[in-house]
Amino acid sequence: MANYRFAGKTSKEVFMIKGINVFSEKWIHAGGCVTVTNPQNGKSYVFSKYMSNGIEFVAGKDTYGYWLFFIET
């Protein structure tokens, strides 16, 4: 089972992972969901896994409308 670490959050349509703005790329659902915890407030969420331009990540919106991103460790 993979572990994911918090990569950051944004309220804008810009977020860079490995030098690529994932919002500029097509997201493909990679199957399954992952329970992740926002380290900034301790809240847990269940988000989908995605692939984009060869990068796998977990993403979803929190209760405040911010996009949270997690990448595999």
PDB file of N, CA and C in Angstrom:
ATOM      1  N   MET A   1       0.840  -1.183   0.000  1.00  0.00           N
ATOM      2  CA  MET A   1       0.000   0.000   0.000  1.00  0.00           C
ATOM      3  C   MET A   1       0.883   1.244   0.000  1.00  0.00           C
ATOM      4  N   ALA A   2       0.600   2.155  -0.881  1.00  0.00           N
ATOM      5  CA  ALA A   2       1.411   3.365  -1.028  1.00  0.00           C
ATOM      6  C   ALA A   2       1.097   4.382   0.066  1.00  0.00           C
ATOM      7  N   ASN A   3       2.098   5.149   0.396  1.00  0.00           N
ATOM      8  CA  ASN A   3       1.930   6.277   1.302  1.00  0.00           C
ATOM      9  C   ASN A   3       2.050   7.553   0.490  1.00  0.00           C
ATOM     10  N   TYR A   4       1.290   8.552   0.893  1.00  0.00           N
ATOM     11  CA  TYR A   4       1.291   9.826   0.186  1.00  0.00           C
ATOM     12  C   TYR A   4       1.631  10.944   1.147  1.00  0.00           C
ATOM     13  N   ARG A   5       2.406  11.893   0.655  1.00  0.00           N
ATOM     14  CA  ARG A   5       2.761  13.047   1.492  1.00  0.00           C
ATOM     15  C   ARG A   5       2.119  14.299   0.890  1.00  0.00           C
ATOM     16  N   PHE A   6       1.834  15.234   1.762  1.00  0.00           N
ATOM     17  CA  PHE A   6       1.230  16.496   1.373  1.00  0.00           C
ATOM     18  C   PHE A   6       2.199  17.266   0.491  1.00  0.00           C
ATOM     19  N   ALA A   7       1.730  17.677  -0.687  1.00  0.00           N
ATOM     20  CA  ALA A   7       2.573  18.438  -1.617  1.00  0.00           C
ATOM     21  C   ALA A   7       2.224  19.919  -1.609  1.00  0.00           C
ATOM     22  N   GLY A   8       1.008  20.249  -1.137  1.00  0.00           N
ATOM     23  CA  GLY A   8       0.623  21.642  -1.063  1.00  0.00           C
ATOM     24  C   GLY A   8      -0.839  21.860  -1.390  1.00  0.00           C
ATOM     25  N   LYS A   9      -1.236  23.134  -1.348  1.00  0.00           N
ATOM     26  CA  LYS A   9      -2.622  23.486  -1.640  1.00  0.00           C
ATOM     27  C   LYS A   9      -2.656  24.766  -2.453  1.00  0.00           C
ATOM     28  N   THR A  10      -3.779  24.962  -3.143  1.00  0.00           N
ATOM     29  CA  THR A  10      -3.948  26.176  -3.923  1.00  0.00           C
ATOM     30  C   THR A  10      -5.427  26.483  -4.071  1.00  0.00           C
ATOM     31  N   SER A  11      -5.739  27.739  -4.238  1.00  0.00           N
ATOM     32  CA  SER A  11      -7.101  28.153  -4.558  1.00  0.00           C
ATOM     33  C   SER A  11      -7.158  28.610  -6.013  1.00  0.00           C
ATOM     34  N   LYS A  12      -6.017  28.537  -6.690  1.00  0.00           N
ATOM     35  CA  LYS A  12      -5.911  28.990  -8.078  1.00  0.00           C
ATOM     36  C   LYS A  12      -5.775  27.791  -8.998  1.00  0.00           C
ATOM     37  N   GLU A  13      -5.821  28.035 -10.291  1.00  0.00           N
ATOM     38  CA  GLU A  13      -5.682  26.967 -11.283  1.00  0.00           C
ATOM     39  C   GLU A  13      -4.216  26.774 -11.672  1.00  0.00           C
ATOM     40  N   VAL A  14      -3.342  26.898 -10.688  1.00  0.00           N
ATOM     41  CA  VAL A  14      -1.916  26.671 -10.906  1.00  0.00           C
ATOM     42  C   VAL A  14      -1.384  25.851  -9.744  1.00  0.00           C
ATOM     43  N   PHE A  15      -0.769  24.702 -10.075  1.00  0.00           N
ATOM     44  CA  PHE A  15      -0.072  23.923  -9.060  1.00  0.00           C
ATOM     45  C   PHE A  15       0.982  23.088  -9.764  1.00  0.00           C
ATOM     46  N   MET A  16       2.216  23.261  -9.345  1.00  0.00           N
ATOM     47  CA  MET A  16       3.337  22.597  -9.996  1.00  0.00           C
ATOM     48  C   MET A  16       3.738  21.335  -9.245  1.00  0.00           C
ATOM     49  N   ILE A  17       3.848  20.236 -10.001  1.00  0.00           N
ATOM     50  CA  ILE A  17       4.407  18.986  -9.490  1.00  0.00           C
ATOM     51  C   ILE A  17       5.480  18.572 -10.483  1.00  0.00           C
ATOM     52  N   LYS A  18       6.705  18.415  -9.997  1.00  0.00           N
ATOM     53  CA  LYS A  18       7.845  18.057 -10.846  1.00  0.00           C
ATOM     54  C   LYS A  18       7.963  18.985 -12.047  1.00  0.00           C
ATOM     55  N   GLY A  19       7.735  20.262 -11.820  1.00  0.00           N
ATOM     56  CA  GLY A  19       7.905  21.272 -12.856  1.00  0.00           C
ATOM     57  C   GLY A  19       6.763  21.383 -13.852  1.00  0.00           C
ATOM     58  N   ILE A  20       5.669  20.672 -13.612  1.00  0.00           N
ATOM     59  CA  ILE A  20       4.531  20.684 -14.528  1.00  0.00           C
ATOM     60  C   ILE A  20       3.307  21.235 -13.804  1.00  0.00           C
ATOM     61  N   ASN A  21       2.652  22.210 -14.429  1.00  0.00           N
ATOM     62  CA  ASN A  21       1.402  22.725 -13.878  1.00  0.00           C
ATOM     63  C   ASN A  21       0.313  21.697 -14.187  1.00  0.00           C
ATOM     64  N   VAL A  22      -0.125  20.966 -13.174  1.00  0.00           N
ATOM     65  CA  VAL A  22      -1.089  19.886 -13.412  1.00  0.00           C
ATOM     66  C   VAL A  22      -2.428  20.409 -13.924  1.00  0.00           C
ATOM     67  N   PHE A  23      -2.754  21.656 -13.677  1.00  0.00           N
ATOM     68  CA  PHE A  23      -4.003  22.211 -14.185  1.00  0.00           C
ATOM     69  C   PHE A  23      -3.950  22.455 -15.695  1.00  0.00           C
ATOM     70  N   SER A  24      -2.744  22.463 -16.271  1.00  0.00           N
ATOM     71  CA  SER A  24      -2.595  22.630 -17.717  1.00  0.00           C
ATOM     72  C   SER A  24      -2.667  21.300 -18.456  1.00  0.00           C
ATOM     73  N   GLU A  25      -2.728  20.204 -17.714  1.00  0.00           N
ATOM     74  CA  GLU A  25      -2.700  18.863 -18.283  1.00  0.00           C
ATOM     75  C   GLU A  25      -4.040  18.160 -18.054  1.00  0.00           C
ATOM     76  N   LYS A  26      -4.301  17.134 -18.865  1.00  0.00           N
ATOM     77  CA  LYS A  26      -5.491  16.318 -18.674  1.00  0.00           C
ATOM     78  C   LYS A  26      -5.254  15.352 -17.520  1.00  0.00           C
ATOM     79  N   TRP A  27      -6.212  15.259 -16.609  1.00  0.00           N
ATOM     80  CA  TRP A  27      -6.130  14.334 -15.494  1.00  0.00           C
ATOM     81  C   TRP A  27      -6.862  13.052 -15.876  1.00  0.00           C
ATOM     82  N   ILE A  28      -6.223  11.921 -15.671  1.00  0.00           N
ATOM     83  CA  ILE A  28      -6.841  10.625 -15.926  1.00  0.00           C
ATOM     84  C   ILE A  28      -7.000   9.930 -14.584  1.00  0.00           C
ATOM     85  N   HIS A  29      -8.233   9.519 -14.281  1.00  0.00           N
ATOM     86  CA  HIS A  29      -8.485   8.830 -13.015  1.00  0.00           C
ATOM     87  C   HIS A  29      -7.688   7.538 -13.000  1.00  0.00           C
ATOM     88  N   ALA A  30      -6.852   7.363 -12.001  1.00  0.00           N
ATOM     89  CA  ALA A  30      -5.957   6.209 -11.919  1.00  0.00           C
ATOM     90  C   ALA A  30      -6.605   5.041 -11.176  1.00  0.00           C
ATOM     91  N   GLY A  31      -7.852   5.190 -10.803  1.00  0.00           N
ATOM     92  CA  GLY A  31      -8.547   4.117 -10.090  1.00  0.00           C
ATOM     93  C   GLY A  31      -8.298   4.190  -8.596  1.00  0.00           C
ATOM     94  N   GLY A  32      -9.343   4.032  -7.863  1.00  0.00           N
ATOM     95  CA  GLY A  32      -9.225   4.004  -6.423  1.00  0.00           C
ATOM     96  C   GLY A  32      -9.192   5.368  -5.767  1.00  0.00           C
ATOM     97  N   CYS A  33      -9.309   5.308  -4.471  1.00  0.00           N
ATOM     98  CA  CYS A  33      -9.280   6.505  -3.636  1.00  0.00           C
ATOM     99  C   CYS A  33      -8.283   6.287  -2.516  1.00  0.00           C
ATOM    100  N   VAL A  34      -7.856   7.373  -1.927  1.00  0.00           N
ATOM    101  CA  VAL A  34      -6.862   7.339  -0.859  1.00  0.00           C
ATOM    102  C   VAL A  34      -7.341   8.244   0.266  1.00  0.00           C
ATOM    103  N   THR A  35      -7.209   7.774   1.496  1.00  0.00           N
ATOM    104  CA  THR A  35      -7.488   8.630   2.652  1.00  0.00           C
ATOM    105  C   THR A  35      -6.211   9.376   2.989  1.00  0.00           C
ATOM    106  N   VAL A  36      -6.303  10.704   2.999  1.00  0.00           N
ATOM    107  CA  VAL A  36      -5.154  11.563   3.270  1.00  0.00           C
ATOM    108  C   VAL A  36      -5.524  12.542   4.380  1.00  0.00           C
ATOM    109  N   THR A  37      -4.506  13.081   5.017  1.00  0.00           N
ATOM    110  CA  THR A  37      -4.725  14.043   6.102  1.00  0.00           C
ATOM    111  C   THR A  37      -3.999  15.343   5.774  1.00  0.00           C
ATOM    112  N   ASN A  38      -4.731  16.442   5.872  1.00  0.00           N
ATOM    113  CA  ASN A  38      -4.132  17.758   5.688  1.00  0.00           C
ATOM    114  C   ASN A  38      -3.295  18.051   6.934  1.00  0.00           C
ATOM    115  N   PRO A  39      -1.981  18.154   6.795  1.00  0.00           N
ATOM    116  CA  PRO A  39      -1.145  18.386   7.980  1.00  0.00           C
ATOM    117  C   PRO A  39      -1.324  19.768   8.594  1.00  0.00           C
ATOM    118  N   GLN A  40      -1.968  20.675   7.856  1.00  0.00           N
ATOM    119  CA  GLN A  40      -2.144  22.036   8.368  1.00  0.00           C
ATOM    120  C   GLN A  40      -3.273  22.127   9.386  1.00  0.00           C
ATOM    121  N   ASN A  41      -4.254  21.201   9.301  1.00  0.00           N
ATOM    122  CA  ASN A  41      -5.359  21.269  10.266  1.00  0.00           C
ATOM    123  C   ASN A  41      -5.777  19.902  10.806  1.00  0.00           C
ATOM    124  N   GLY A  42      -5.141  18.830  10.353  1.00  0.00           N
ATOM    125  CA  GLY A  42      -5.418  17.489  10.852  1.00  0.00           C
ATOM    126  C   GLY A  42      -6.679  16.840  10.311  1.00  0.00           C
ATOM    127  N   LYS A  43      -7.370  17.483   9.378  1.00  0.00           N
ATOM    128  CA  LYS A  43      -8.599  16.909   8.823  1.00  0.00           C
ATOM    129  C   LYS A  43      -8.258  15.853   7.769  1.00  0.00           C
ATOM    130  N   SER A  44      -9.031  14.765   7.781  1.00  0.00           N
ATOM    131  CA  SER A  44      -8.839  13.695   6.810  1.00  0.00           C
ATOM    132  C   SER A  44      -9.858  13.807   5.687  1.00  0.00           C
ATOM    133  N   TYR A  45      -9.423  13.403   4.507  1.00  0.00           N
ATOM    134  CA  TYR A  45     -10.268  13.431   3.312  1.00  0.00           C
ATOM    135  C   TYR A  45     -10.038  12.148   2.516  1.00  0.00           C
ATOM    136  N   VAL A  46     -11.013  11.765   1.721  1.00  0.00           N
ATOM    137  CA  VAL A  46     -10.864  10.666   0.780  1.00  0.00           C
ATOM    138  C   VAL A  46     -10.890  11.283  -0.611  1.00  0.00           C
ATOM    139  N   PHE A  47      -9.734  11.219  -1.293  1.00  0.00           N
ATOM    140  CA  PHE A  47      -9.576  11.820  -2.615  1.00  0.00           C
ATOM    141  C   PHE A  47      -9.216  10.746  -3.631  1.00  0.00           C
ATOM    142  N   SER A  48      -9.485  11.030  -4.886  1.00  0.00           N
ATOM    143  CA  SER A  48      -9.157  10.125  -5.987  1.00  0.00           C
ATOM    144  C   SER A  48      -7.692  10.246  -6.383  1.00  0.00           C
ATOM    145  N   LYS A  49      -7.188   9.144  -6.971  1.00  0.00           N
ATOM    146  CA  LYS A  49      -5.843   9.139  -7.542  1.00  0.00           C
ATOM    147  C   LYS A  49      -5.944   9.499  -9.016  1.00  0.00           C
ATOM    148  N   TYR A  50      -4.971  10.254  -9.490  1.00  0.00           N
ATOM    149  CA  TYR A  50      -4.932  10.694 -10.878  1.00  0.00           C
ATOM    150  C   TYR A  50      -3.543  10.493 -11.468  1.00  0.00           C
ATOM    151  N   MET A  51      -3.505  10.418 -12.795  1.00  0.00           N
ATOM    152  CA  MET A  51      -2.271  10.440 -13.563  1.00  0.00           C
ATOM    153  C   MET A  51      -2.359  11.638 -14.498  1.00  0.00           C
ATOM    154  N   SER A  52      -1.265  12.347 -14.641  1.00  0.00           N
ATOM    155  CA  SER A  52      -1.216  13.475 -15.562  1.00  0.00           C
ATOM    156  C   SER A  52       0.215  13.636 -16.032  1.00  0.00           C
ATOM    157  N   ASN A  53       0.426  13.490 -17.335  1.00  0.00           N
ATOM    158  CA  ASN A  53       1.755  13.666 -17.920  1.00  0.00           C
ATOM    159  C   ASN A  53       2.795  12.775 -17.223  1.00  0.00           C
ATOM    160  N   GLY A  54       2.393  11.544 -16.878  1.00  0.00           N
ATOM    161  CA  GLY A  54       3.300  10.594 -16.249  1.00  0.00           C
ATOM    162  C   GLY A  54       3.472  10.759 -14.750  1.00  0.00           C
ATOM    163  N   ILE A  55       2.750  11.682 -14.155  1.00  0.00           N
ATOM    164  CA  ILE A  55       2.853  11.941 -12.713  1.00  0.00           C
ATOM    165  C   ILE A  55       1.591  11.416 -12.031  1.00  0.00           C
ATOM    166  N   GLU A  56       1.787  10.595 -10.990  1.00  0.00           N
ATOM    167  CA  GLU A  56       0.642  10.123 -10.206  1.00  0.00           C
ATOM    168  C   GLU A  56       0.503  11.006  -8.977  1.00  0.00           C
ATOM    169  N   PHE A  57      -0.729  11.409  -8.698  1.00  0.00           N
ATOM    170  CA  PHE A  57      -0.982  12.236  -7.517  1.00  0.00           C
ATOM    171  C   PHE A  57      -2.398  12.006  -7.027  1.00  0.00           C
ATOM    172  N   VAL A  58      -2.643  12.464  -5.824  1.00  0.00           N
ATOM    173  CA  VAL A  58      -3.964  12.423  -5.205  1.00  0.00           C
ATOM    174  C   VAL A  58      -4.389  13.872  -5.021  1.00  0.00           C
ATOM    175  N   ALA A  59      -5.631  14.176  -5.393  1.00  0.00           N
ATOM    176  CA  ALA A  59      -6.073  15.567  -5.293  1.00  0.00           C
ATOM    177  C   ALA A  59      -7.566  15.646  -5.031  1.00  0.00           C
ATOM    178  N   GLY A  60      -7.952  16.721  -4.387  1.00  0.00           N
ATOM    179  CA  GLY A  60      -9.355  17.008  -4.143  1.00  0.00           C
ATOM    180  C   GLY A  60      -9.471  18.334  -3.416  1.00  0.00           C
ATOM    181  N   LYS A  61     -10.701  18.793  -3.297  1.00  0.00           N
ATOM    182  CA  LYS A  61     -10.943  20.063  -2.614  1.00  0.00           C
ATOM    183  C   LYS A  61     -11.309  19.821  -1.155  1.00  0.00           C
ATOM    184  N   ASP A  62     -10.800  20.700  -0.302  1.00  0.00           N
ATOM    185  CA  ASP A  62     -11.153  20.631   1.113  1.00  0.00           C
ATOM    186  C   ASP A  62     -12.449  21.399   1.356  1.00  0.00           C
ATOM    187  N   THR A  63     -12.865  21.475   2.592  1.00  0.00           N
ATOM    188  CA  THR A  63     -14.136  22.122   2.930  1.00  0.00           C
ATOM    189  C   THR A  63     -14.112  23.632   2.699  1.00  0.00           C
ATOM    190  N   TYR A  64     -12.920  24.200   2.490  1.00  0.00           N
ATOM    191  CA  TYR A  64     -12.801  25.637   2.244  1.00  0.00           C
ATOM    192  C   TYR A  64     -12.638  25.962   0.762  1.00  0.00           C
ATOM    193  N   GLY A  65     -12.658  24.934  -0.086  1.00  0.00           N
ATOM    194  CA  GLY A  65     -12.536  25.140  -1.519  1.00  0.00           C
ATOM    195  C   GLY A  65     -11.120  25.150  -2.061  1.00  0.00           C
ATOM    196  N   TYR A  66     -10.144  24.849  -1.217  1.00  0.00           N
ATOM    197  CA  TYR A  66      -8.756  24.760  -1.666  1.00  0.00           C
ATOM    198  C   TYR A  66      -8.500  23.385  -2.275  1.00  0.00           C
ATOM    199  N   TRP A  67      -7.726  23.333  -3.352  1.00  0.00           N
ATOM    200  CA  TRP A  67      -7.252  22.081  -3.890  1.00  0.00           C
ATOM    201  C   TRP A  67      -6.087  21.614  -3.024  1.00  0.00           C
ATOM    202  N   LEU A  68      -6.137  20.357  -2.567  1.00  0.00           N
ATOM    203  CA  LEU A  68      -5.041  19.752  -1.821  1.00  0.00           C
ATOM    204  C   LEU A  68      -4.407  18.704  -2.712  1.00  0.00           C
ATOM    205  N   PHE A  69      -3.087  18.650  -2.711  1.00  0.00           N
ATOM    206  CA  PHE A  69      -2.338  17.691  -3.536  1.00  0.00           C
ATOM    207  C   PHE A  69      -1.418  16.861  -2.668  1.00  0.00           C
ATOM    208  N   PHE A  70      -1.351  15.580  -2.998  1.00  0.00           N
ATOM    209  CA  PHE A  70      -0.500  14.629  -2.303  1.00  0.00           C
ATOM    210  C   PHE A  70       0.230  13.793  -3.353  1.00  0.00           C
ATOM    211  N   ILE A  71       1.504  13.486  -3.096  1.00  0.00           N
ATOM    212  CA  ILE A  71       2.247  12.632  -4.010  1.00  0.00           C
ATOM    213  C   ILE A  71       2.802  11.446  -3.235  1.00  0.00           C
ATOM    214  N   GLU A  72       3.046  10.362  -3.971  1.00  0.00           N
ATOM    215  CA  GLU A  72       3.504   9.132  -3.354  1.00  0.00           C
ATOM    216  C   GLU A  72       4.914   9.322  -2.798  1.00  0.00           C
ATOM    217  N   THR A  73       5.155   8.755  -1.610  1.00  0.00           N
ATOM    218  CA  THR A  73       6.476   8.859  -0.995  1.00  0.00           C
ATOM    219  C   THR A  73       7.334   7.675  -1.373  1.00  0.00           C
TER     220      THR A  73
END
